[in-house]
């Protein structure tokens, strides 16, 4: 897995947009071997490239991260 990570980082350093840009480097959850990375507005193609690059070594779960205040603004606007 480390070799694949290095290859992806080299690709990013070259300026390639094949993989999404990381804004939060990989961190591991304590007690589990789950890695969390935050990407900057990835495209579907970039996420697919990422999955294909790491298969079959890793599995993925992509979750959107949304700013709380934006959700609450929308909630109160629609509640009226």
C-alpha atoms as a PDB file:
ATOM      1  CA  UNK A   1       0.000   0.000   0.000  1.00  0.00           C
ATOM      2  CA  UNK A   2       2.858   2.403   0.789  1.00  0.00           C
ATOM      3  CA  UNK A   3       4.290   1.972  -2.716  1.00  0.00           C
ATOM      4  CA  UNK A   4       0.943   2.813  -4.301  1.00  0.00           C
ATOM      5  CA  UNK A   5       0.649   5.876  -2.047  1.00  0.00           C
ATOM      6  CA  UNK A   6       4.103   7.068  -3.141  1.00  0.00           C
ATOM      7  CA  UNK A   7       3.173   6.636  -6.820  1.00  0.00           C
ATOM      8  CA  UNK A   8      -0.016   8.664  -6.351  1.00  0.00           C
ATOM      9  CA  UNK A   9       1.904  11.431  -4.546  1.00  0.00           C
ATOM     10  CA  UNK A  10       4.482  11.611  -7.348  1.00  0.00           C
ATOM     11  CA  UNK A  11       1.640  11.894  -9.856  1.00  0.00           C
ATOM     12  CA  UNK A  12       0.150  14.818  -7.880  1.00  0.00           C
ATOM     13  CA  UNK A  13       3.544  16.543  -7.573  1.00  0.00           C
ATOM     14  CA  UNK A  14       3.895  16.441 -11.362  1.00  0.00           C
ATOM     15  CA  UNK A  15       0.737  18.574 -11.523  1.00  0.00           C
ATOM     16  CA  UNK A  16      -1.458  15.755 -12.759  1.00  0.00           C
ATOM     17  CA  UNK A  17      -5.158  15.958 -11.944  1.00  0.00           C
ATOM     18  CA  UNK A  18      -5.613  12.202 -12.298  1.00  0.00           C
ATOM     19  CA  UNK A  19      -6.195  11.920  -8.533  1.00  0.00           C
ATOM     20  CA  UNK A  20      -8.051  14.371  -6.270  1.00  0.00           C
ATOM     21  CA  UNK A  21      -6.091  17.004  -4.363  1.00  0.00           C
ATOM     22  CA  UNK A  22      -5.683  16.214  -0.661  1.00  0.00           C
ATOM     23  CA  UNK A  23      -6.451  18.978   1.838  1.00  0.00           C
ATOM     24  CA  UNK A  24      -6.108  16.713   4.895  1.00  0.00           C
ATOM     25  CA  UNK A  25      -3.303  14.177   4.671  1.00  0.00           C
ATOM     26  CA  UNK A  26      -4.066  10.549   5.562  1.00  0.00           C
ATOM     27  CA  UNK A  27      -4.741   9.931   9.250  1.00  0.00           C
ATOM     28  CA  UNK A  28      -5.515   6.627  10.942  1.00  0.00           C
ATOM     29  CA  UNK A  29      -8.421   6.201  13.368  1.00  0.00           C
ATOM     30  CA  UNK A  30      -7.203   4.988  16.750  1.00  0.00           C
ATOM     31  CA  UNK A  31      -8.138   1.404  17.513  1.00  0.00           C
ATOM     32  CA  UNK A  32      -8.956   0.571  13.892  1.00  0.00           C
ATOM     33  CA  UNK A  33      -6.946   0.429  10.730  1.00  0.00           C
ATOM     34  CA  UNK A  34      -9.133   2.880   8.854  1.00  0.00           C
ATOM     35  CA  UNK A  35      -7.594   5.783   7.013  1.00  0.00           C
ATOM     36  CA  UNK A  36      -9.281   9.170   6.670  1.00  0.00           C
ATOM     37  CA  UNK A  37      -8.335  11.609   3.906  1.00  0.00           C
ATOM     38  CA  UNK A  38     -10.138  14.797   2.919  1.00  0.00           C
ATOM     39  CA  UNK A  39     -10.056  15.704  -0.762  1.00  0.00           C
ATOM     40  CA  UNK A  40     -10.805  19.076  -2.310  1.00  0.00           C
ATOM     41  CA  UNK A  41     -13.918  18.866  -4.483  1.00  0.00           C
ATOM     42  CA  UNK A  42     -13.025  15.616  -6.282  1.00  0.00           C
ATOM     43  CA  UNK A  43     -14.616  14.673  -9.562  1.00  0.00           C
ATOM     44  CA  UNK A  44     -16.206  11.285 -10.136  1.00  0.00           C
ATOM     45  CA  UNK A  45     -13.377  10.438 -12.548  1.00  0.00           C
ATOM     46  CA  UNK A  46     -10.711  11.290  -9.955  1.00  0.00           C
ATOM     47  CA  UNK A  47     -12.406   9.110  -7.333  1.00  0.00           C
ATOM     48  CA  UNK A  48     -12.663   6.249  -9.830  1.00  0.00           C
ATOM     49  CA  UNK A  49      -8.973   6.637 -10.708  1.00  0.00           C
ATOM     50  CA  UNK A  50      -8.119   6.545  -7.016  1.00  0.00           C
ATOM     51  CA  UNK A  51     -10.120   3.360  -6.411  1.00  0.00           C
ATOM     52  CA  UNK A  52      -8.637   1.626  -9.444  1.00  0.00           C
ATOM     53  CA  UNK A  53      -5.122   2.672  -8.396  1.00  0.00           C
ATOM     54  CA  UNK A  54      -5.446   1.091  -4.934  1.00  0.00           C
ATOM     55  CA  UNK A  55      -7.485  -2.010  -5.863  1.00  0.00           C
ATOM     56  CA  UNK A  56      -7.314  -4.757  -4.632  1.00  0.00           C
ATOM     57  CA  UNK A  57      -5.222  -3.494  -1.680  1.00  0.00           C
ATOM     58  CA  UNK A  58      -7.870  -1.179  -0.191  1.00  0.00           C
ATOM     59  CA  UNK A  59     -11.604  -0.648  -0.162  1.00  0.00           C
ATOM     60  CA  UNK A  60     -13.177   2.803  -0.050  1.00  0.00           C
ATOM     61  CA  UNK A  61     -16.140   4.609   1.400  1.00  0.00           C
ATOM     62  CA  UNK A  62     -16.609   8.170   0.174  1.00  0.00           C
ATOM     63  CA  UNK A  63     -18.635  10.485   2.383  1.00  0.00           C
ATOM     64  CA  UNK A  64     -19.421  14.134   1.660  1.00  0.00           C
ATOM     65  CA  UNK A  65     -18.262  16.602   4.284  1.00  0.00           C
ATOM     66  CA  UNK A  66     -20.511  19.657   4.421  1.00  0.00           C
ATOM     67  CA  UNK A  67     -20.143  22.804   6.487  1.00  0.00           C
ATOM     68  CA  UNK A  68     -22.694  22.725   9.313  1.00  0.00           C
ATOM     69  CA  UNK A  69     -23.707  26.384   8.996  1.00  0.00           C
ATOM     70  CA  UNK A  70     -24.627  25.924   5.318  1.00  0.00           C
ATOM     71  CA  UNK A  71     -26.888  22.990   6.146  1.00  0.00           C
ATOM     72  CA  UNK A  72     -28.553  24.906   8.981  1.00  0.00           C
ATOM     73  CA  UNK A  73     -29.137  27.961   6.761  1.00  0.00           C
ATOM     74  CA  UNK A  74     -30.839  25.742   4.212  1.00  0.00           C
ATOM     75  CA  UNK A  75     -32.845  23.970   6.923  1.00  0.00           C
ATOM     76  CA  UNK A  76     -34.227  27.205   8.402  1.00  0.00           C
ATOM     77  CA  UNK A  77     -34.900  28.670   4.953  1.00  0.00           C
ATOM     78  CA  UNK A  78     -36.943  25.635   3.884  1.00  0.00           C
ATOM     79  CA  UNK A  79     -38.688  25.357   7.267  1.00  0.00           C
ATOM     80  CA  UNK A  80     -40.379  28.763   6.814  1.00  0.00           C
END
